Amino acid sequence: MYRFLSLFGLVILVAMVACNKGKEDVTTRKLDNNETSALIMDGIRPQLTGTWHMKEVAISPFAPGTNEVGIYKDTVLKDFANLEITLIKYETPFDKLYNDVSGSLNYKNKRYEVGFRLLAYNRYLPKKVGPQASALFEFRSVIVGTRPTEPEELNLQHLGLIGENYNIEISADGKTMTWKGQSRSVKNILFTKR
């Protein structure tokens, strides 16, 4: 009988310890990727809206695109255009993680509807170093074939500015922003807030 009770007591003790390990302390639990993404988006969203001046656009030659606009060596274009960010959608759970950003690009006295969907870098949050997000920058209102393509639109595409993926980093004070091109001719774009 004594052996049975001691064995029974041991089983109960092990079960209680196992149940206590299942409880999670909210203050020390690790954030999952979705929570981390939402926190990063909450941090950069207020800084993103407004008018951004493309102070410097660093271009590396990338045939055939840059050849079409006469760029054959590393070039820095100064005071290139203005990007006005007017709307950031984040109401739905999907948009909370991947904010949909809309606005316009003012280039050579023309205005083009543009946009991108931000994807947060989860590695940013712990150390607060590096880019906060990445995005594919693209035209929004242009449907191919519905009208002739304007020369200015072609310039933006040949430069690799439109249709490029960028790593996006906003300064702590929200006054400057840097986009680093991931795959084509644009090395980086330095923005200043107006």
N, C-alpha and C. Protein backbone atom coordinates (compact mmCIF):
# COMPACT_ATOMS: atom_id res chain seq x y z
N MET A 1 0.82 -1.19 0.00
CA MET A 1 0.00 0.00 0.00
C MET A 1 0.87 1.26 0.00
N TYR A 2 1.96 1.20 0.81
CA TYR A 2 2.85 2.35 0.89
C TYR A 2 3.49 2.64 -0.47
N ARG A 3 3.90 1.58 -1.17
CA ARG A 3 4.50 1.75 -2.50
C ARG A 3 3.51 2.37 -3.47
N PHE A 4 2.26 1.90 -3.41
CA PHE A 4 1.23 2.43 -4.30
C PHE A 4 1.01 3.91 -4.05
N LEU A 5 0.91 4.31 -2.78
CA LEU A 5 0.68 5.73 -2.46
C LEU A 5 1.88 6.59 -2.85
N SER A 6 3.09 6.10 -2.63
CA SER A 6 4.26 6.89 -3.00
C SER A 6 4.37 7.01 -4.52
N LEU A 7 4.03 5.94 -5.25
CA LEU A 7 4.03 6.00 -6.71
C LEU A 7 2.95 6.97 -7.20
N PHE A 8 1.78 6.90 -6.59
CA PHE A 8 0.68 7.80 -6.94
C PHE A 8 1.06 9.25 -6.65
N GLY A 9 1.69 9.49 -5.52
CA GLY A 9 2.14 10.84 -5.16
C GLY A 9 3.18 11.37 -6.14
N LEU A 10 4.08 10.49 -6.57
CA LEU A 10 5.10 10.89 -7.54
C LEU A 10 4.47 11.28 -8.88
N VAL A 11 3.48 10.52 -9.32
CA VAL A 11 2.78 10.83 -10.58
C VAL A 11 2.07 12.17 -10.47
N ILE A 12 1.41 12.43 -9.35
CA ILE A 12 0.71 13.71 -9.14
C ILE A 12 1.72 14.86 -9.15
N LEU A 13 2.84 14.69 -8.49
CA LEU A 13 3.87 15.72 -8.44
C LEU A 13 4.41 16.05 -9.83
N VAL A 14 4.69 15.03 -10.62
CA VAL A 14 5.19 15.24 -11.99
C VAL A 14 4.13 15.95 -12.83
N ALA A 15 2.87 15.57 -12.67
CA ALA A 15 1.78 16.20 -13.43
C ALA A 15 1.65 17.68 -13.06
N MET A 16 1.79 18.01 -11.78
CA MET A 16 1.68 19.41 -11.35
C MET A 16 2.84 20.24 -11.90
N VAL A 17 4.03 19.70 -11.89
CA VAL A 17 5.19 20.42 -12.42
C VAL A 17 5.00 20.65 -13.92
N ALA A 18 4.52 19.64 -14.63
CA ALA A 18 4.31 19.76 -16.07
C ALA A 18 3.25 20.82 -16.37
N CYS A 19 2.20 20.89 -15.57
CA CYS A 19 1.15 21.89 -15.78
C CYS A 19 1.69 23.29 -15.54
N ASN A 20 2.53 23.47 -14.55
CA ASN A 20 3.09 24.79 -14.27
C ASN A 20 4.00 25.27 -15.38
N LYS A 21 4.71 24.36 -16.03
CA LYS A 21 5.60 24.75 -17.13
C LYS A 21 4.81 25.26 -18.32
N GLY A 22 3.58 24.83 -18.48
CA GLY A 22 2.74 25.25 -19.60
C GLY A 22 2.28 26.69 -19.48
N LYS A 23 2.25 27.20 -18.25
CA LYS A 23 1.82 28.58 -18.05
C LYS A 23 2.89 29.52 -18.57
N GLU A 24 2.44 30.62 -19.17
CA GLU A 24 3.38 31.53 -19.83
C GLU A 24 3.34 32.87 -19.11
N ASP A 25 4.49 33.38 -18.81
CA ASP A 25 4.58 34.71 -18.22
C ASP A 25 4.55 35.72 -19.37
N VAL A 26 3.52 36.57 -19.39
CA VAL A 26 3.30 37.49 -20.50
C VAL A 26 4.45 38.49 -20.62
N THR A 27 5.06 38.86 -19.53
CA THR A 27 6.13 39.87 -19.60
C THR A 27 7.40 39.34 -20.24
N THR A 28 7.62 38.03 -20.19
CA THR A 28 8.86 37.50 -20.75
C THR A 28 8.66 36.69 -22.02
N ARG A 29 7.43 36.55 -22.48
CA ARG A 29 7.23 35.73 -23.67
C ARG A 29 7.76 36.43 -24.91
N LYS A 30 8.18 35.64 -25.84
CA LYS A 30 8.75 36.16 -27.08
C LYS A 30 7.63 36.49 -28.06
N LEU A 31 7.74 37.63 -28.75
CA LEU A 31 6.73 38.02 -29.73
C LEU A 31 6.85 37.14 -30.97
N ASP A 32 5.70 36.79 -31.55
CA ASP A 32 5.75 36.05 -32.80
C ASP A 32 5.95 37.03 -33.96
N ASN A 33 6.17 36.51 -35.16
CA ASN A 33 6.47 37.35 -36.32
C ASN A 33 5.37 38.35 -36.63
N ASN A 34 4.11 37.95 -36.51
CA ASN A 34 3.01 38.87 -36.81
C ASN A 34 2.97 40.02 -35.82
N GLU A 35 3.16 39.73 -34.54
CA GLU A 35 3.17 40.79 -33.54
C GLU A 35 4.35 41.73 -33.76
N THR A 36 5.49 41.18 -34.09
CA THR A 36 6.68 42.00 -34.36
C THR A 36 6.44 42.89 -35.57
N SER A 37 5.88 42.33 -36.63
CA SER A 37 5.59 43.11 -37.84
C SER A 37 4.63 44.25 -37.53
N ALA A 38 3.58 43.96 -36.77
CA ALA A 38 2.61 45.00 -36.42
C ALA A 38 3.26 46.11 -35.60
N LEU A 39 4.15 45.75 -34.67
CA LEU A 39 4.85 46.77 -33.88
C LEU A 39 5.74 47.66 -34.75
N ILE A 40 6.45 47.06 -35.70
CA ILE A 40 7.30 47.85 -36.59
C ILE A 40 6.44 48.79 -37.42
N MET A 41 5.35 48.29 -37.97
CA MET A 41 4.46 49.13 -38.79
C MET A 41 3.87 50.27 -37.96
N ASP A 42 3.47 49.98 -36.72
CA ASP A 42 2.94 51.03 -35.84
C ASP A 42 3.98 52.11 -35.60
N GLY A 43 5.26 51.72 -35.56
CA GLY A 43 6.33 52.69 -35.31
C GLY A 43 6.65 53.58 -36.50
N ILE A 44 6.58 53.04 -37.72
CA ILE A 44 6.98 53.85 -38.88
C ILE A 44 5.81 54.54 -39.57
N ARG A 45 4.60 54.07 -39.36
CA ARG A 45 3.44 54.63 -40.05
C ARG A 45 3.28 56.14 -39.83
N PRO A 46 3.35 56.65 -38.61
CA PRO A 46 3.17 58.10 -38.42
C PRO A 46 4.24 58.94 -39.13
N GLN A 47 5.44 58.40 -39.27
CA GLN A 47 6.53 59.15 -39.90
C GLN A 47 6.45 59.13 -41.42
N LEU A 48 5.75 58.17 -41.98
CA LEU A 48 5.78 57.96 -43.42
C LEU A 48 4.90 58.94 -44.20
N THR A 49 3.75 59.31 -43.65
CA THR A 49 2.82 60.18 -44.36
C THR A 49 3.40 61.58 -44.53
N GLY A 50 3.18 62.15 -45.71
CA GLY A 50 3.65 63.51 -46.00
C GLY A 50 4.36 63.58 -47.33
N THR A 51 5.02 64.70 -47.58
CA THR A 51 5.75 64.91 -48.83
C THR A 51 7.23 64.68 -48.61
N TRP A 52 7.81 63.82 -49.43
CA TRP A 52 9.22 63.47 -49.36
C TRP A 52 9.92 63.92 -50.64
N HIS A 53 10.99 64.65 -50.49
CA HIS A 53 11.78 65.13 -51.63
C HIS A 53 12.90 64.13 -51.91
N MET A 54 12.99 63.67 -53.15
CA MET A 54 14.08 62.77 -53.55
C MET A 54 15.32 63.61 -53.77
N LYS A 55 16.09 63.78 -52.71
CA LYS A 55 17.26 64.65 -52.74
C LYS A 55 18.37 64.06 -53.61
N GLU A 56 18.63 62.77 -53.47
CA GLU A 56 19.67 62.10 -54.27
C GLU A 56 19.20 60.71 -54.67
N VAL A 57 19.39 60.39 -55.94
CA VAL A 57 19.10 59.05 -56.45
C VAL A 57 20.40 58.53 -57.05
N ALA A 58 20.99 57.52 -56.42
CA ALA A 58 22.25 56.93 -56.90
C ALA A 58 21.93 55.78 -57.84
N ILE A 59 22.46 55.88 -59.07
CA ILE A 59 22.17 54.91 -60.13
C ILE A 59 23.46 54.22 -60.56
N SER A 60 23.40 52.91 -60.75
CA SER A 60 24.48 52.14 -61.38
C SER A 60 23.98 51.70 -62.74
N PRO A 61 24.84 51.69 -63.75
CA PRO A 61 24.36 51.27 -65.07
C PRO A 61 23.85 49.83 -65.04
N PHE A 62 22.72 49.64 -65.65
CA PHE A 62 22.09 48.31 -65.72
C PHE A 62 21.42 48.21 -67.08
N ALA A 63 22.09 47.57 -68.02
CA ALA A 63 21.57 47.48 -69.39
C ALA A 63 20.35 46.57 -69.41
N PRO A 64 19.40 46.81 -70.27
CA PRO A 64 19.35 47.88 -71.25
C PRO A 64 18.69 49.15 -70.73
N GLY A 65 18.07 49.09 -69.53
CA GLY A 65 17.28 50.21 -69.03
C GLY A 65 18.00 51.53 -68.97
N THR A 66 19.11 51.57 -68.24
CA THR A 66 19.81 52.85 -68.07
C THR A 66 20.43 53.33 -69.37
N ASN A 67 20.74 52.43 -70.30
CA ASN A 67 21.26 52.86 -71.61
C ASN A 67 20.22 53.68 -72.35
N GLU A 68 18.95 53.37 -72.16
CA GLU A 68 17.86 54.09 -72.83
C GLU A 68 17.79 55.55 -72.41
N VAL A 69 18.25 55.85 -71.21
CA VAL A 69 18.22 57.25 -70.73
C VAL A 69 19.61 57.86 -70.66
N GLY A 70 20.60 57.20 -71.25
CA GLY A 70 21.94 57.77 -71.38
C GLY A 70 22.81 57.67 -70.14
N ILE A 71 22.58 56.69 -69.29
CA ILE A 71 23.43 56.50 -68.11
C ILE A 71 24.30 55.28 -68.34
N TYR A 72 25.63 55.52 -68.43
CA TYR A 72 26.58 54.45 -68.72
C TYR A 72 27.60 54.25 -67.59
N LYS A 73 27.57 55.10 -66.57
CA LYS A 73 28.46 54.95 -65.42
C LYS A 73 27.70 55.35 -64.17
N ASP A 74 28.28 55.07 -63.00
CA ASP A 74 27.63 55.43 -61.74
C ASP A 74 27.28 56.91 -61.75
N THR A 75 26.03 57.22 -61.39
CA THR A 75 25.52 58.58 -61.48
C THR A 75 24.67 58.88 -60.26
N VAL A 76 24.71 60.13 -59.79
CA VAL A 76 23.83 60.59 -58.72
C VAL A 76 22.96 61.70 -59.29
N LEU A 77 21.65 61.47 -59.28
CA LEU A 77 20.70 62.47 -59.74
C LEU A 77 20.24 63.27 -58.53
N LYS A 78 20.36 64.59 -58.61
CA LYS A 78 20.01 65.46 -57.47
C LYS A 78 18.64 66.08 -57.69
N ASP A 79 17.93 66.30 -56.59
CA ASP A 79 16.61 66.94 -56.61
C ASP A 79 15.74 66.34 -57.72
N PHE A 80 15.54 65.05 -57.65
CA PHE A 80 14.95 64.28 -58.74
C PHE A 80 13.44 64.43 -58.85
N ALA A 81 12.72 64.25 -57.75
CA ALA A 81 11.25 64.26 -57.78
C ALA A 81 10.73 64.41 -56.35
N ASN A 82 9.42 64.45 -56.21
CA ASN A 82 8.77 64.47 -54.90
C ASN A 82 7.80 63.31 -54.81
N LEU A 83 7.81 62.64 -53.68
CA LEU A 83 6.89 61.55 -53.40
C LEU A 83 5.95 62.02 -52.30
N GLU A 84 4.66 62.05 -52.61
CA GLU A 84 3.67 62.46 -51.63
C GLU A 84 2.89 61.23 -51.18
N ILE A 85 3.04 60.87 -49.92
CA ILE A 85 2.33 59.71 -49.37
C ILE A 85 1.08 60.22 -48.66
N THR A 86 -0.08 59.82 -49.19
CA THR A 86 -1.34 60.37 -48.70
C THR A 86 -2.19 59.38 -47.92
N LEU A 87 -2.03 58.10 -48.18
CA LEU A 87 -2.91 57.12 -47.56
C LEU A 87 -2.13 55.86 -47.19
N ILE A 88 -2.33 55.41 -45.96
CA ILE A 88 -1.75 54.15 -45.52
C ILE A 88 -2.88 53.32 -44.94
N LYS A 89 -3.20 52.21 -45.60
CA LYS A 89 -4.28 51.34 -45.12
C LYS A 89 -3.72 50.35 -44.11
N TYR A 90 -4.37 50.28 -42.95
CA TYR A 90 -3.94 49.33 -41.93
C TYR A 90 -5.11 48.87 -41.06
N GLU A 91 -6.33 48.92 -41.61
CA GLU A 91 -7.51 48.57 -40.83
C GLU A 91 -7.69 47.06 -40.64
N THR A 92 -7.45 46.29 -41.70
CA THR A 92 -7.67 44.85 -41.60
C THR A 92 -6.45 44.18 -40.98
N PRO A 93 -6.61 42.98 -40.44
CA PRO A 93 -5.44 42.28 -39.88
C PRO A 93 -4.32 42.10 -40.91
N PHE A 94 -4.67 41.83 -42.18
CA PHE A 94 -3.65 41.68 -43.21
C PHE A 94 -2.91 42.99 -43.43
N ASP A 95 -3.67 44.11 -43.51
CA ASP A 95 -3.04 45.42 -43.73
C ASP A 95 -2.23 45.88 -42.53
N LYS A 96 -2.57 45.40 -41.34
CA LYS A 96 -1.79 45.76 -40.15
C LYS A 96 -0.36 45.22 -40.27
N LEU A 97 -0.22 44.07 -40.91
CA LEU A 97 1.10 43.47 -41.09
C LEU A 97 1.80 44.00 -42.33
N TYR A 98 1.04 44.23 -43.38
CA TYR A 98 1.60 44.66 -44.67
C TYR A 98 0.89 45.94 -45.09
N ASN A 99 1.26 47.06 -44.49
CA ASN A 99 0.57 48.32 -44.75
C ASN A 99 0.58 48.65 -46.23
N ASP A 100 -0.59 48.99 -46.77
CA ASP A 100 -0.71 49.37 -48.18
C ASP A 100 -0.59 50.89 -48.26
N VAL A 101 0.46 51.36 -48.92
CA VAL A 101 0.77 52.79 -48.97
C VAL A 101 0.46 53.31 -50.36
N SER A 102 -0.28 54.43 -50.43
CA SER A 102 -0.63 55.05 -51.71
C SER A 102 -0.23 56.51 -51.69
N GLY A 103 0.04 57.02 -52.89
CA GLY A 103 0.38 58.42 -53.01
C GLY A 103 0.65 58.78 -54.45
N SER A 104 1.44 59.83 -54.63
CA SER A 104 1.76 60.26 -55.99
C SER A 104 3.23 60.64 -56.08
N LEU A 105 3.75 60.47 -57.28
CA LEU A 105 5.13 60.84 -57.58
C LEU A 105 5.06 62.02 -58.55
N ASN A 106 5.62 63.15 -58.14
CA ASN A 106 5.66 64.34 -58.99
C ASN A 106 7.04 64.40 -59.64
N TYR A 107 7.04 64.21 -60.97
CA TYR A 107 8.29 64.11 -61.72
C TYR A 107 8.13 64.89 -63.02
N LYS A 108 9.00 65.87 -63.25
CA LYS A 108 8.99 66.68 -64.47
C LYS A 108 7.60 67.24 -64.77
N ASN A 109 7.02 67.89 -63.80
CA ASN A 109 5.70 68.52 -63.92
C ASN A 109 4.58 67.53 -64.26
N LYS A 110 4.78 66.27 -63.99
CA LYS A 110 3.74 65.25 -64.18
C LYS A 110 3.50 64.58 -62.83
N ARG A 111 2.28 64.11 -62.67
CA ARG A 111 1.90 63.46 -61.41
C ARG A 111 1.45 62.03 -61.72
N TYR A 112 2.07 61.06 -61.05
CA TYR A 112 1.75 59.65 -61.27
C TYR A 112 1.32 59.02 -59.96
N GLU A 113 0.22 58.27 -60.02
CA GLU A 113 -0.25 57.54 -58.84
C GLU A 113 0.68 56.35 -58.63
N VAL A 114 1.22 56.24 -57.43
CA VAL A 114 2.15 55.17 -57.10
C VAL A 114 1.75 54.54 -55.77
N GLY A 115 2.37 53.44 -55.46
CA GLY A 115 2.10 52.81 -54.18
C GLY A 115 3.03 51.64 -53.94
N PHE A 116 2.95 51.13 -52.74
CA PHE A 116 3.73 49.96 -52.35
C PHE A 116 3.12 49.35 -51.11
N ARG A 117 3.38 48.08 -50.92
CA ARG A 117 2.93 47.37 -49.73
C ARG A 117 4.16 47.08 -48.89
N LEU A 118 4.18 47.64 -47.68
CA LEU A 118 5.33 47.46 -46.79
C LEU A 118 5.34 46.08 -46.16
N LEU A 119 6.49 45.49 -46.13
CA LEU A 119 6.71 44.21 -45.44
C LEU A 119 7.78 44.46 -44.38
N ALA A 120 7.41 44.27 -43.11
CA ALA A 120 8.33 44.58 -42.00
C ALA A 120 9.48 43.59 -41.93
N TYR A 121 10.64 44.11 -41.52
CA TYR A 121 11.79 43.26 -41.20
C TYR A 121 11.74 42.96 -39.71
N ASN A 122 11.46 41.72 -39.36
CA ASN A 122 11.35 41.36 -37.95
C ASN A 122 12.67 41.45 -37.21
N ARG A 123 13.78 41.40 -37.93
CA ARG A 123 15.09 41.51 -37.27
C ARG A 123 15.36 42.93 -36.79
N TYR A 124 14.58 43.90 -37.26
CA TYR A 124 14.83 45.29 -36.89
C TYR A 124 14.50 45.55 -35.41
N LEU A 125 13.40 45.00 -34.94
CA LEU A 125 12.87 45.38 -33.63
C LEU A 125 13.81 45.17 -32.45
N PRO A 126 14.49 44.03 -32.30
CA PRO A 126 15.30 43.85 -31.10
C PRO A 126 16.44 44.86 -30.97
N LYS A 127 17.15 45.16 -32.06
CA LYS A 127 18.33 46.03 -31.98
C LYS A 127 18.08 47.44 -32.50
N LYS A 128 16.97 47.64 -33.21
CA LYS A 128 16.65 48.93 -33.83
C LYS A 128 17.75 49.39 -34.78
N VAL A 129 18.30 48.44 -35.55
CA VAL A 129 19.36 48.73 -36.50
C VAL A 129 18.96 48.16 -37.85
N GLY A 130 19.24 48.91 -38.91
CA GLY A 130 18.97 48.42 -40.26
C GLY A 130 17.61 48.86 -40.77
N PRO A 131 17.23 48.34 -41.93
CA PRO A 131 15.95 48.75 -42.52
C PRO A 131 14.77 48.22 -41.71
N GLN A 132 13.71 49.04 -41.66
CA GLN A 132 12.51 48.61 -40.95
C GLN A 132 11.60 47.77 -41.83
N ALA A 133 11.65 48.01 -43.15
CA ALA A 133 10.71 47.34 -44.04
C ALA A 133 11.28 47.23 -45.45
N SER A 134 10.57 46.48 -46.29
CA SER A 134 10.89 46.43 -47.71
C SER A 134 9.58 46.59 -48.48
N ALA A 135 9.70 46.97 -49.76
CA ALA A 135 8.50 47.21 -50.56
C ALA A 135 8.83 47.16 -52.04
N LEU A 136 7.83 46.82 -52.84
CA LEU A 136 7.91 46.91 -54.29
C LEU A 136 7.21 48.20 -54.69
N PHE A 137 7.96 49.14 -55.25
CA PHE A 137 7.46 50.46 -55.65
C PHE A 137 6.92 50.36 -57.07
N GLU A 138 5.65 50.74 -57.27
CA GLU A 138 5.04 50.55 -58.58
C GLU A 138 3.99 51.61 -58.88
N PHE A 139 3.69 51.77 -60.19
CA PHE A 139 2.58 52.61 -60.61
C PHE A 139 1.29 51.95 -60.15
N ARG A 140 0.30 52.76 -59.77
CA ARG A 140 -0.97 52.20 -59.32
C ARG A 140 -2.11 52.40 -60.32
N SER A 141 -2.18 53.53 -61.00
CA SER A 141 -3.35 53.81 -61.84
C SER A 141 -3.11 53.51 -63.32
N VAL A 142 -1.93 53.05 -63.66
CA VAL A 142 -1.61 52.80 -65.07
C VAL A 142 -1.96 51.36 -65.41
N ILE A 143 -2.88 51.19 -66.35
CA ILE A 143 -3.20 49.87 -66.85
C ILE A 143 -2.58 49.78 -68.23
N VAL A 144 -1.66 48.86 -68.39
CA VAL A 144 -0.90 48.74 -69.64
C VAL A 144 -1.85 48.56 -70.81
N GLY A 145 -1.64 49.37 -71.85
CA GLY A 145 -2.43 49.26 -73.07
C GLY A 145 -3.66 50.14 -73.12
N THR A 146 -4.02 50.79 -72.02
CA THR A 146 -5.21 51.64 -72.04
C THR A 146 -4.93 53.03 -72.58
N ARG A 147 -3.67 53.43 -72.62
CA ARG A 147 -3.28 54.73 -73.17
C ARG A 147 -1.80 54.66 -73.53
N PRO A 148 -1.34 55.58 -74.36
CA PRO A 148 0.09 55.58 -74.70
C PRO A 148 0.94 55.88 -73.46
N THR A 149 2.08 55.24 -73.36
CA THR A 149 2.99 55.48 -72.25
C THR A 149 3.73 56.79 -72.49
N GLU A 150 3.73 57.65 -71.48
CA GLU A 150 4.39 58.95 -71.60
C GLU A 150 5.91 58.78 -71.49
N PRO A 151 6.68 59.68 -72.11
CA PRO A 151 8.15 59.59 -72.03
C PRO A 151 8.67 59.62 -70.59
N GLU A 152 8.01 60.40 -69.72
CA GLU A 152 8.44 60.48 -68.32
C GLU A 152 8.25 59.14 -67.61
N GLU A 153 7.15 58.45 -67.92
CA GLU A 153 6.92 57.12 -67.34
C GLU A 153 8.01 56.15 -67.78
N LEU A 154 8.34 56.22 -69.06
CA LEU A 154 9.41 55.35 -69.58
C LEU A 154 10.74 55.64 -68.90
N ASN A 155 11.04 56.93 -68.68
CA ASN A 155 12.29 57.29 -67.98
C ASN A 155 12.34 56.65 -66.60
N LEU A 156 11.23 56.74 -65.86
CA LEU A 156 11.19 56.16 -64.52
C LEU A 156 11.39 54.65 -64.56
N GLN A 157 10.81 54.01 -65.56
CA GLN A 157 10.97 52.57 -65.69
C GLN A 157 12.38 52.19 -66.14
N HIS A 158 12.93 52.94 -67.10
CA HIS A 158 14.28 52.64 -67.59
C HIS A 158 15.34 52.86 -66.50
N LEU A 159 15.11 53.86 -65.66
CA LEU A 159 16.04 54.09 -64.55
C LEU A 159 15.99 52.95 -63.53
N GLY A 160 14.90 52.21 -63.53
CA GLY A 160 14.73 51.14 -62.55
C GLY A 160 14.11 51.64 -61.27
N LEU A 161 13.60 52.87 -61.28
CA LEU A 161 12.98 53.44 -60.09
C LEU A 161 11.64 52.77 -59.80
N ILE A 162 10.85 52.58 -60.85
CA ILE A 162 9.54 51.93 -60.73
C ILE A 162 9.71 50.44 -61.01
N GLY A 163 9.01 49.62 -60.25
CA GLY A 163 9.10 48.18 -60.43
C GLY A 163 10.30 47.58 -59.73
N GLU A 164 10.85 48.30 -58.77
CA GLU A 164 12.03 47.85 -58.01
C GLU A 164 11.63 47.54 -56.58
N ASN A 165 12.29 46.58 -55.98
CA ASN A 165 12.14 46.28 -54.55
C ASN A 165 13.16 47.09 -53.79
N TYR A 166 12.72 47.69 -52.68
CA TYR A 166 13.60 48.53 -51.87
C TYR A 166 13.58 48.10 -50.42
N ASN A 167 14.73 48.22 -49.76
CA ASN A 167 14.80 48.16 -48.30
C ASN A 167 14.63 49.59 -47.82
N ILE A 168 13.72 49.79 -46.88
CA ILE A 168 13.36 51.15 -46.45
C ILE A 168 13.79 51.36 -45.01
N GLU A 169 14.50 52.47 -44.79
CA GLU A 169 14.96 52.83 -43.45
C GLU A 169 14.62 54.29 -43.19
N ILE A 170 13.86 54.53 -42.12
CA ILE A 170 13.47 55.89 -41.75
C ILE A 170 14.28 56.29 -40.52
N SER A 171 14.80 57.52 -40.53
CA SER A 171 15.61 57.98 -39.39
C SER A 171 14.74 58.10 -38.15
N ALA A 172 15.37 58.10 -36.99
CA ALA A 172 14.65 58.16 -35.72
C ALA A 172 13.83 59.43 -35.59
N ASP A 173 14.34 60.55 -36.14
CA ASP A 173 13.59 61.81 -36.04
C ASP A 173 12.53 61.95 -37.14
N GLY A 174 12.50 61.03 -38.10
CA GLY A 174 11.48 61.05 -39.15
C GLY A 174 11.70 62.09 -40.23
N LYS A 175 12.89 62.69 -40.29
CA LYS A 175 13.16 63.75 -41.27
C LYS A 175 13.84 63.24 -42.53
N THR A 176 14.48 62.09 -42.46
CA THR A 176 15.11 61.51 -43.64
C THR A 176 14.71 60.04 -43.77
N MET A 177 14.77 59.58 -44.99
CA MET A 177 14.43 58.20 -45.28
C MET A 177 15.36 57.73 -46.39
N THR A 178 15.82 56.49 -46.31
CA THR A 178 16.70 55.92 -47.34
C THR A 178 16.07 54.65 -47.88
N TRP A 179 16.01 54.57 -49.20
CA TRP A 179 15.57 53.36 -49.88
C TRP A 179 16.79 52.78 -50.58
N LYS A 180 17.05 51.51 -50.35
CA LYS A 180 18.17 50.83 -51.03
C LYS A 180 17.60 49.82 -52.00
N GLY A 181 17.96 49.98 -53.27
CA GLY A 181 17.49 49.07 -54.31
C GLY A 181 18.04 47.67 -54.10
N GLN A 182 17.23 46.66 -54.38
CA GLN A 182 17.65 45.29 -54.13
C GLN A 182 18.16 44.55 -55.36
N SER A 183 17.76 44.99 -56.56
CA SER A 183 18.12 44.12 -57.68
C SER A 183 18.45 44.80 -59.00
N ARG A 184 18.16 46.07 -59.16
CA ARG A 184 18.37 46.67 -60.47
C ARG A 184 19.33 47.84 -60.38
N SER A 185 19.06 48.90 -61.12
CA SER A 185 20.04 49.98 -61.25
C SER A 185 20.06 50.97 -60.08
N VAL A 186 18.98 51.13 -59.36
CA VAL A 186 18.95 52.11 -58.27
C VAL A 186 19.69 51.53 -57.06
N LYS A 187 20.80 52.19 -56.69
CA LYS A 187 21.55 51.77 -55.49
C LYS A 187 20.81 52.22 -54.25
N ASN A 188 20.54 53.54 -54.19
CA ASN A 188 19.78 54.06 -53.07
C ASN A 188 19.16 55.41 -53.42
N ILE A 189 18.14 55.75 -52.65
CA ILE A 189 17.45 57.03 -52.78
C ILE A 189 17.44 57.67 -51.41
N LEU A 190 17.91 58.90 -51.33
CA LEU A 190 17.88 59.66 -50.08
C LEU A 190 16.72 60.64 -50.15
N PHE A 191 15.78 60.51 -49.23
CA PHE A 191 14.61 61.38 -49.15
C PHE A 191 14.77 62.33 -47.97
N THR A 192 14.27 63.55 -48.12
CA THR A 192 14.13 64.47 -46.99
C THR A 192 12.67 64.88 -46.92
N LYS A 193 12.15 65.01 -45.71
CA LYS A 193 10.74 65.34 -45.53
C LYS A 193 10.55 66.84 -45.66
N ARG A 194 9.48 67.20 -46.33
CA ARG A 194 9.16 68.63 -46.51
C ARG A 194 8.05 69.02 -45.59
